[in-house]
Amino acid sequence: MKKTIVAALVLALAGAAGAFAAGGAEKVDIGYCVPDTTNPFLGWLTTEVKKQADADGIKLQIADAGNNASKQIEQIENFIAMKVKVIDIMPMDPNNVQAVIQKAQKAGIKVLVAGTDTTYYDVMMNMNQFNCGEQIAEMAIDWLVKTYSTDGTEAGLPTGAAKKKVVVMKCTETVDMTKRSEGILAKMTAWGKAEVVVATAEARTTAAATAIMENMWQKNSDAVAVLCYNADGALGVNEYIMGQAGVDKAKFGVFAGDWSPPIQEILDNSASNASVFRGTIQIVGPKVNGEQMPLEKATYMLLKDLYEGKLSYGKNIQDSIQKAYPAKK
């Protein structure tokens, strides 16, 4: 399932990636630097933003850092050398991009930073990461009550040694990741009606989450839910659990952050227990002039505004988020 998603995204991005690798022979207007386009959320978002730029005749080039912070710095340097007008950065390491952002700004390039506050930027677009983590935990709690309560209430859940076990796969590589992970743990701990086991290894990618789940399953095969930092990790857990013959799929749930249409399909499959990935947090996008705007459209709107030399929407843009479940039929 994961391979299918990745293959589709790779094909969609192949042209842009090839142009970048070739040194960018064509004039580029906007550079779009992201950690990893094989991540379903990032693959979807970058593709949708590029479609809008293409429709307007604006040359936008995507740079995939392959989860390598040093490579991302090099890619930003390349965009500076190419004299682009705007660079959109989703930082791999928000603590090491300040100097290169300042270099871009001194060269007259506008910089949009999406995610962590890097101090230097022209526009900052982010969300409340701690609250995102809390909402991931809320989805899991609601599902646990519905699935394992004896009377449909929290009071009906098993207590003491009979508490259901929940695994939390955290990420702490950046400030954003840490805050979201802390939000998950804070909400689950405050609830206090599940035995929470925290994975010691970081689970940012599908491969990492699969390996961690396989290792943890040896001592935690009685777990009934897993909470992941992102949807990429949740895909790895989903694949592993779906391959375990002894697991009652109807009574296992995986919850995470990040959304894309391919992820929604997997959520929809959980309605029939064809997957156990049951809920995620979707970045809806910011409100602009009082109206909610989809994330992909808002991202391009901000980039185009900077491309045109404007700052129409302010320097700090706050994204709204919401819980995403299987679509009702």
Protein backbone atom coordinates (compact mmCIF):
# COMPACT_ATOMS: atom_id res chain seq x y z
CA MET A 1 0.00 0.00 0.00
CA LYS A 2 2.77 2.41 0.99
CA LYS A 3 4.75 1.48 -2.11
CA THR A 4 1.78 2.38 -4.32
CA ILE A 5 1.44 5.81 -2.71
CA VAL A 6 5.15 6.51 -2.96
CA ALA A 7 5.30 5.40 -6.60
CA ALA A 8 2.49 7.76 -7.56
CA LEU A 9 4.14 10.68 -5.80
CA VAL A 10 7.54 9.95 -7.30
CA LEU A 11 6.04 9.95 -10.80
CA ALA A 12 4.25 13.21 -10.12
CA LEU A 13 7.44 14.88 -8.93
CA ALA A 14 9.93 13.29 -11.32
CA GLY A 15 10.00 16.20 -13.73
CA ALA A 16 10.74 18.77 -11.05
CA ALA A 17 13.33 16.62 -9.35
CA GLY A 18 15.07 15.91 -12.63
CA ALA A 19 15.31 19.57 -13.48
CA PHE A 20 16.84 20.35 -10.10
CA ALA A 21 19.37 17.54 -10.41
CA ALA A 22 20.36 18.79 -13.82
CA GLY A 23 21.28 22.14 -12.37
CA GLY A 24 18.08 24.03 -13.19
CA ALA A 25 18.73 25.05 -16.81
CA GLU A 26 15.46 26.97 -16.90
CA LYS A 27 14.89 30.16 -14.95
CA VAL A 28 13.28 29.33 -11.62
CA ASP A 29 11.00 31.79 -9.85
CA ILE A 30 10.22 29.92 -6.62
CA GLY A 31 12.29 27.29 -4.82
CA TYR A 32 10.35 24.88 -2.61
CA CYS A 33 12.56 23.09 -0.06
CA VAL A 34 11.01 20.17 1.82
CA PRO A 35 12.42 17.29 3.89
CA ASP A 36 11.05 14.32 1.95
CA THR A 37 8.55 14.19 -0.93
CA THR A 38 7.96 10.46 -0.42
CA ASN A 39 6.15 11.47 2.76
CA PRO A 40 2.47 11.28 1.64
CA PHE A 41 1.56 14.65 3.13
CA LEU A 42 4.56 16.51 1.70
CA GLY A 43 4.27 14.76 -1.65
CA TRP A 44 0.64 15.79 -1.96
CA LEU A 45 1.18 19.38 -0.77
CA THR A 46 4.17 20.15 -2.99
CA THR A 47 2.43 18.64 -6.03
CA GLU A 48 -0.71 20.70 -5.49
CA VAL A 49 1.22 23.93 -4.96
CA LYS A 50 3.28 23.32 -8.10
CA LYS A 51 0.12 22.73 -10.15
CA GLN A 52 -1.13 26.18 -9.21
CA ALA A 53 2.19 27.81 -10.05
CA ASP A 54 2.28 26.03 -13.42
CA ALA A 55 -1.23 27.28 -14.21
CA ASP A 56 -0.03 30.87 -13.61
CA GLY A 57 3.14 30.41 -15.65
CA ILE A 58 5.35 30.72 -12.56
CA LYS A 59 8.32 28.35 -12.52
CA LEU A 60 8.36 26.56 -9.17
CA GLN A 61 10.99 23.92 -8.49
CA ILE A 62 10.78 21.35 -5.68
CA ALA A 63 13.92 20.35 -3.79
CA ASP A 64 13.69 17.10 -1.84
CA ALA A 65 16.30 16.93 0.94
CA GLY A 66 15.87 13.21 1.48
CA ASN A 67 15.67 13.85 5.24
CA ASN A 68 19.20 15.27 5.18
CA ALA A 69 19.65 18.66 6.86
CA SER A 70 23.00 19.36 5.18
CA LYS A 71 21.56 18.59 1.77
CA GLN A 72 18.72 21.02 2.42
CA ILE A 73 21.19 23.81 3.16
CA GLU A 74 22.94 23.04 -0.14
CA GLN A 75 19.62 23.18 -1.98
CA ILE A 76 18.79 26.57 -0.47
CA GLU A 77 22.27 27.79 -1.48
CA ASN A 78 21.57 26.57 -5.02
CA PHE A 79 18.33 28.51 -5.17
CA ILE A 80 20.15 31.63 -3.99
CA ALA A 81 22.73 31.15 -6.76
CA MET A 82 19.87 30.69 -9.26
CA LYS A 83 18.50 34.10 -8.14
CA VAL A 84 14.97 32.89 -7.49
CA LYS A 85 12.49 35.45 -6.19
CA VAL A 86 11.06 33.35 -3.36
CA ILE A 87 12.15 30.32 -1.32
CA ASP A 88 9.66 28.25 0.68
CA ILE A 89 11.45 26.27 3.41
CA MET A 90 10.10 23.45 5.55
CA PRO A 91 13.23 23.10 7.71
CA MET A 92 14.82 19.75 8.36
CA ASP A 93 16.68 21.33 11.26
CA PRO A 94 15.24 24.72 12.29
CA ASN A 95 18.39 25.46 14.30
CA ASN A 96 20.79 25.51 11.34
CA VAL A 97 19.00 27.50 8.64
CA GLN A 98 19.27 31.01 10.10
CA ALA A 99 22.50 31.95 8.30
CA VAL A 100 21.36 30.73 4.90
CA ILE A 101 17.96 32.45 5.28
CA GLN A 102 19.74 35.72 6.06
CA LYS A 103 21.96 35.18 3.03
CA ALA A 104 18.87 34.73 0.85
CA GLN A 105 17.25 37.86 2.24
CA LYS A 106 20.40 39.93 1.69
CA ALA A 107 20.27 38.76 -1.93
CA GLY A 108 16.75 40.20 -2.18
CA ILE A 109 15.00 36.83 -2.02
CA LYS A 110 11.78 36.57 0.00
CA VAL A 111 11.57 33.60 2.37
CA LEU A 112 8.48 31.77 3.55
CA VAL A 113 9.11 29.34 6.41
CA ALA A 114 6.51 26.64 7.05
CA GLY A 115 6.66 24.92 10.41
CA THR A 116 9.07 25.96 13.14
CA ASP A 117 9.86 29.58 13.92
CA THR A 118 13.39 30.11 12.61
CA THR A 119 13.55 33.78 13.75
CA TYR A 120 14.43 34.95 10.24
CA TYR A 121 11.74 34.92 7.53
CA ASP A 122 9.46 37.20 5.55
CA VAL A 123 6.38 35.09 6.25
CA MET A 124 5.98 32.36 8.85
CA MET A 125 3.23 29.73 8.41
CA ASN A 126 2.68 27.24 11.22
CA MET A 127 0.21 25.66 13.60
CA ASN A 128 -0.08 24.81 17.30
CA GLN A 129 1.97 21.61 17.44
CA PHE A 130 1.25 20.85 21.10
CA ASN A 131 -2.48 21.04 20.46
CA CYS A 132 -2.05 18.80 17.43
CA GLY A 133 -0.56 16.17 19.73
CA GLU A 134 -3.41 16.61 22.19
CA GLN A 135 -5.95 16.07 19.45
CA ILE A 136 -4.19 12.92 18.25
CA ALA A 137 -4.54 11.58 21.79
CA GLU A 138 -8.17 12.68 21.97
CA MET A 139 -8.99 10.61 18.89
CA ALA A 140 -7.35 7.58 20.47
CA ILE A 141 -9.15 8.11 23.77
CA ASP A 142 -12.54 8.41 22.07
CA TRP A 143 -11.88 5.21 20.14
CA LEU A 144 -10.71 3.33 23.26
CA VAL A 145 -13.87 4.32 25.12
CA LYS A 146 -16.06 3.26 22.21
CA THR A 147 -14.22 -0.03 21.62
CA TYR A 148 -13.31 -1.22 25.11
CA SER A 149 -15.75 0.38 27.53
CA THR A 150 -18.14 -2.00 29.28
CA ASP A 151 -20.95 0.55 29.43
CA GLY A 152 -20.10 3.16 26.82
CA THR A 153 -18.44 5.56 29.25
CA GLU A 154 -14.92 6.19 30.54
CA ALA A 155 -16.05 4.82 33.90
CA GLY A 156 -16.63 1.49 32.22
CA LEU A 157 -13.04 1.05 31.11
CA PRO A 158 -10.83 -1.54 32.83
CA THR A 159 -8.60 -0.13 35.56
CA GLY A 160 -5.39 -1.08 37.34
CA ALA A 161 -3.49 -3.98 35.86
CA ALA A 162 -6.35 -4.50 33.39
CA LYS A 163 -5.75 -1.14 31.66
CA LYS A 164 -5.40 -1.39 27.89
CA LYS A 165 -1.88 -0.79 26.60
CA VAL A 166 -1.15 2.07 24.21
CA VAL A 167 2.18 2.60 22.44
CA VAL A 168 3.37 6.14 21.68
CA MET A 169 5.92 6.61 18.90
CA LYS A 170 7.40 10.06 19.43
CA CYS A 171 9.73 12.29 17.43
CA THR A 172 12.00 14.87 19.05
CA GLU A 173 14.39 15.81 16.25
CA THR A 174 13.01 19.37 16.02
CA VAL A 175 11.14 21.78 18.26
CA ASP A 176 7.90 21.13 16.34
CA MET A 177 8.24 17.37 16.61
CA THR A 178 8.98 17.61 20.32
CA LYS A 179 5.97 19.81 21.00
CA ARG A 180 3.58 17.52 19.12
CA SER A 181 4.97 14.45 20.89
CA GLU A 182 4.68 16.21 24.24
CA GLY A 183 1.06 17.03 23.46
CA ILE A 184 0.29 13.36 22.81
CA LEU A 185 1.93 12.22 26.03
CA ALA A 186 0.45 15.02 28.14
CA LYS A 187 -3.12 14.21 27.08
CA MET A 188 -2.70 10.43 27.47
CA THR A 189 -1.03 10.84 30.87
CA ALA A 190 -3.71 13.25 32.10
CA TRP A 191 -6.43 10.83 31.01
CA GLY A 192 -4.77 8.09 33.02
CA LYS A 193 -6.96 5.20 31.87
CA ALA A 194 -4.47 3.41 29.63
CA GLU A 195 -1.04 1.90 30.18
CA VAL A 196 1.22 4.07 28.03
CA VAL A 197 4.45 2.61 26.65
CA VAL A 198 6.78 5.07 24.92
CA ALA A 199 9.05 3.87 22.12
CA THR A 200 12.64 4.91 22.77
CA ALA A 201 13.56 5.12 19.07
CA GLU A 202 12.38 7.92 16.77
CA ALA A 203 9.61 7.01 14.32
CA ARG A 204 9.53 9.67 11.63
CA THR A 205 9.36 7.47 8.53
CA THR A 206 7.39 4.41 7.48
CA ALA A 207 10.47 2.20 7.51
CA ALA A 208 11.53 3.38 10.97
CA ALA A 209 8.03 2.88 12.41
CA THR A 210 7.77 -0.60 10.94
CA ALA A 211 11.11 -1.62 12.44
CA ILE A 212 10.26 -0.11 15.83
CA MET A 213 6.85 -1.78 15.88
CA GLU A 214 8.36 -5.15 15.01
CA ASN A 215 10.86 -4.79 17.84
CA MET A 216 8.34 -3.54 20.39
CA TRP A 217 5.78 -6.19 19.50
CA GLN A 218 7.97 -8.83 21.09
CA LYS A 219 7.13 -7.46 24.56
CA ASN A 220 3.99 -5.45 23.79
CA SER A 221 1.80 -7.73 21.69
CA ASP A 222 -1.05 -6.94 24.08
CA ALA A 223 -1.15 -3.31 22.90
CA VAL A 224 -4.42 -2.21 21.34
CA ALA A 225 -3.47 1.21 19.94
CA VAL A 226 -0.46 3.13 18.64
CA LEU A 227 -0.14 6.91 18.51
CA CYS A 228 2.38 8.25 16.00
CA TYR A 229 3.91 11.66 15.40
CA ASN A 230 2.96 11.62 11.72
CA ALA A 231 1.02 9.71 9.09
CA ASP A 232 4.21 8.34 7.54
CA GLY A 233 4.96 6.52 10.78
CA ALA A 234 1.35 5.42 11.09
CA LEU A 235 1.58 3.77 7.66
CA GLY A 236 4.47 1.64 8.91
CA VAL A 237 2.57 0.57 12.02
CA ASN A 238 -0.52 -0.14 9.93
CA GLU A 239 1.42 -2.35 7.54
CA TYR A 240 2.98 -4.29 10.40
CA ILE A 241 -0.24 -4.84 12.34
CA MET A 242 -2.23 -5.82 9.23
CA GLY A 243 0.35 -8.56 8.68
CA GLN A 244 -0.15 -10.06 12.17
CA ALA A 245 -2.60 -12.96 11.91
CA GLY A 246 -3.28 -13.08 15.65
CA VAL A 247 -4.47 -9.48 15.97
CA ASP A 248 -8.19 -8.68 16.08
CA LYS A 249 -8.13 -5.84 13.56
CA ALA A 250 -11.51 -4.52 14.70
CA LYS A 251 -10.02 -3.84 18.13
CA PHE A 252 -6.75 -2.18 17.11
CA GLY A 253 -6.34 1.49 16.30
CA VAL A 254 -3.56 3.72 14.97
CA PHE A 255 -3.73 7.53 15.21
CA ALA A 256 -1.38 10.24 13.97
CA GLY A 257 -0.91 13.72 12.49
CA ASP A 258 -0.77 14.86 8.82
CA TRP A 259 -3.31 14.28 6.06
CA SER A 260 -3.44 13.84 2.30
CA PRO A 261 -5.97 12.25 -0.10
CA PRO A 262 -4.03 8.94 -0.20
CA ILE A 263 -4.04 8.89 3.61
CA GLN A 264 -7.79 9.51 3.59
CA GLU A 265 -8.23 6.38 1.47
CA ILE A 266 -6.42 4.34 4.12
CA LEU A 267 -8.55 5.91 6.85
CA ASP A 268 -11.65 4.99 4.85
CA ASN A 269 -10.45 1.38 4.68
CA SER A 270 -10.45 1.22 8.48
CA ALA A 271 -14.27 1.43 8.46
CA SER A 272 -14.26 -2.19 7.28
CA ASN A 273 -11.07 -3.03 9.23
CA ALA A 274 -9.11 -3.33 5.99
CA SER A 275 -6.69 -1.02 7.76
CA VAL A 276 -6.20 -0.06 11.41
CA PHE A 277 -5.19 3.55 10.71
CA ARG A 278 -8.35 5.20 12.04
CA GLY A 279 -7.67 8.89 12.55
CA THR A 280 -5.25 11.71 11.79
CA ILE A 281 -4.98 15.47 12.16
CA GLN A 282 -5.50 17.49 9.01
CA ILE A 283 -3.95 20.92 8.54
CA VAL A 284 -6.96 22.73 7.14
CA GLY A 285 -5.13 25.96 6.39
CA PRO A 286 -5.41 29.53 7.67
CA LYS A 287 -8.32 31.90 7.76
CA VAL A 288 -7.82 34.74 5.28
CA ASN A 289 -10.06 37.77 5.62
CA GLY A 290 -12.28 35.72 7.90
CA GLU A 291 -12.69 32.81 5.47
CA GLN A 292 -11.12 29.37 5.84
CA MET A 293 -8.71 28.63 3.00
CA PRO A 294 -7.38 25.13 2.11
CA LEU A 295 -3.73 24.62 2.99
CA GLU A 296 -2.48 24.02 -0.56
CA LYS A 297 -4.25 27.14 -1.87
CA ALA A 298 -3.12 29.28 1.05
CA THR A 299 0.50 28.15 0.62
CA TYR A 300 0.51 29.12 -3.04
CA MET A 301 -1.33 32.38 -2.34
CA LEU A 302 1.40 33.42 0.12
CA LEU A 303 4.18 32.40 -2.29
CA LYS A 304 2.60 34.29 -5.19
CA ASP A 305 2.11 37.34 -2.99
CA LEU A 306 5.82 37.35 -2.10
CA TYR A 307 6.72 36.68 -5.76
CA GLU A 308 4.82 39.84 -6.67
CA GLY A 309 6.73 41.79 -4.04
CA LYS A 310 3.81 42.10 -1.64
CA LEU A 311 3.12 41.27 1.99
CA SER A 312 -0.67 41.35 1.90
CA TYR A 313 -1.47 38.89 4.69
CA GLY A 314 1.00 39.72 7.45
CA LYS A 315 4.18 38.00 8.59
CA ASN A 316 2.66 35.32 10.83
CA ILE A 317 0.02 32.94 9.48
CA GLN A 318 -1.67 30.49 11.87
CA ASP A 319 -3.04 27.27 10.35
CA SER A 320 -6.23 25.69 11.63
CA ILE A 321 -6.33 21.93 12.20
CA GLN A 322 -9.09 19.35 12.50
CA LYS A 323 -9.56 15.64 13.17
CA ALA A 324 -9.92 13.44 10.12
CA TYR A 325 -11.74 10.09 10.27
CA PRO A 326 -13.07 7.57 7.73
CA ALA A 327 -15.54 9.30 5.42
CA LYS A 328 -19.15 8.56 6.18
CA LYS A 329 -21.04 6.72 3.45
